[in-house]
Protein backbone atom coordinates (compact mmCIF):
# COMPACT_ATOMS: atom_id res chain seq x y z
CA MET A 1 0.00 0.00 0.00
CA ASN A 2 1.12 3.52 -0.73
CA TYR A 3 0.66 6.15 1.96
CA ILE A 4 0.80 9.88 1.56
CA HIS A 5 1.99 11.84 4.58
CA LEU A 6 0.75 15.41 4.68
CA VAL A 7 2.35 18.00 6.90
CA ALA A 8 0.51 21.26 7.55
CA ALA A 9 2.71 24.31 7.22
CA GLN A 10 2.18 27.26 9.51
CA PHE A 11 2.34 30.67 7.92
CA MET A 12 3.07 33.86 9.77
CA SER A 13 0.76 36.66 8.75
CA VAL A 14 2.63 39.68 7.48
CA LEU A 15 0.90 42.97 6.85
CA PRO A 16 2.86 45.00 4.29
CA ILE A 17 2.87 48.75 4.81
CA ASN A 18 0.88 49.47 1.64
CA SER A 19 -1.71 46.68 2.02
CA THR A 20 -5.38 47.31 2.72
CA GLN A 21 -7.67 45.31 4.95
CA LYS A 22 -10.96 43.80 3.80
CA GLN A 23 -14.13 43.24 5.77
CA TYR A 24 -16.29 40.11 5.74
CA ARG A 25 -19.51 39.11 7.47
CA ILE A 26 -19.82 35.40 8.20
CA THR A 27 -23.13 34.04 9.47
CA LEU A 28 -23.33 30.72 11.31
CA ASN A 29 -26.69 29.18 12.17
CA LEU A 30 -26.17 26.55 14.87
CA SER A 31 -28.55 23.95 16.29
CA VAL A 32 -26.90 22.86 19.52
CA LEU A 33 -27.62 21.17 22.83
CA SER A 34 -29.04 23.28 25.65
CA ASP A 35 -25.70 23.53 27.51
CA PHE A 36 -23.94 25.27 24.59
CA ASN A 37 -22.99 28.87 25.35
CA PRO A 38 -21.72 30.92 22.38
CA HIS A 39 -20.64 33.71 24.74
CA GLN A 40 -17.89 31.46 26.12
CA ILE A 41 -16.10 31.15 22.78
CA ASN A 42 -12.94 33.17 22.24
CA TYR A 43 -13.55 34.08 18.59
CA GLU A 44 -10.21 35.90 18.17
CA LYS A 45 -8.42 32.72 19.19
CA LEU A 46 -10.76 30.51 17.15
CA PHE A 47 -10.03 32.42 13.94
CA LYS A 48 -6.35 33.00 14.88
CA LEU A 49 -6.57 36.75 14.35
CA ASP A 50 -3.62 39.06 14.93
CA GLU A 51 -4.72 41.42 17.70
CA ASP A 52 -2.56 44.26 16.35
CA CYS A 53 -3.78 44.19 12.73
CA GLU A 54 -7.20 42.60 12.69
CA ALA A 55 -10.48 43.49 14.40
CA LEU A 56 -13.42 41.25 15.13
CA SER A 57 -16.94 42.24 16.09
CA VAL A 58 -19.14 39.40 17.37
CA THR A 59 -22.94 39.63 17.44
CA ILE A 60 -24.79 36.73 19.02
CA GLU A 61 -28.54 36.45 18.46
CA ASP A 62 -30.64 33.99 20.46
CA LEU A 63 -33.30 32.54 18.13
CA ASN A 64 -35.21 30.68 20.85
CA TYR A 65 -38.64 32.25 21.10
CA GLU A 66 -39.92 30.86 24.37
């Protein structure tokens, strides 16, 4: 049998002086168990954002209409 071994490379983000930043809105609709708490997630860490160069705004909407 032939096996392929893949190694993930880590890249360091570099922000050149003349580069511009882009903005994106990403919407996630989650159906989760009752003990899930989206407020406990560190989204900066989850998306591996550079605190000096990148900004993140998180809006959490509870869709349970009880």
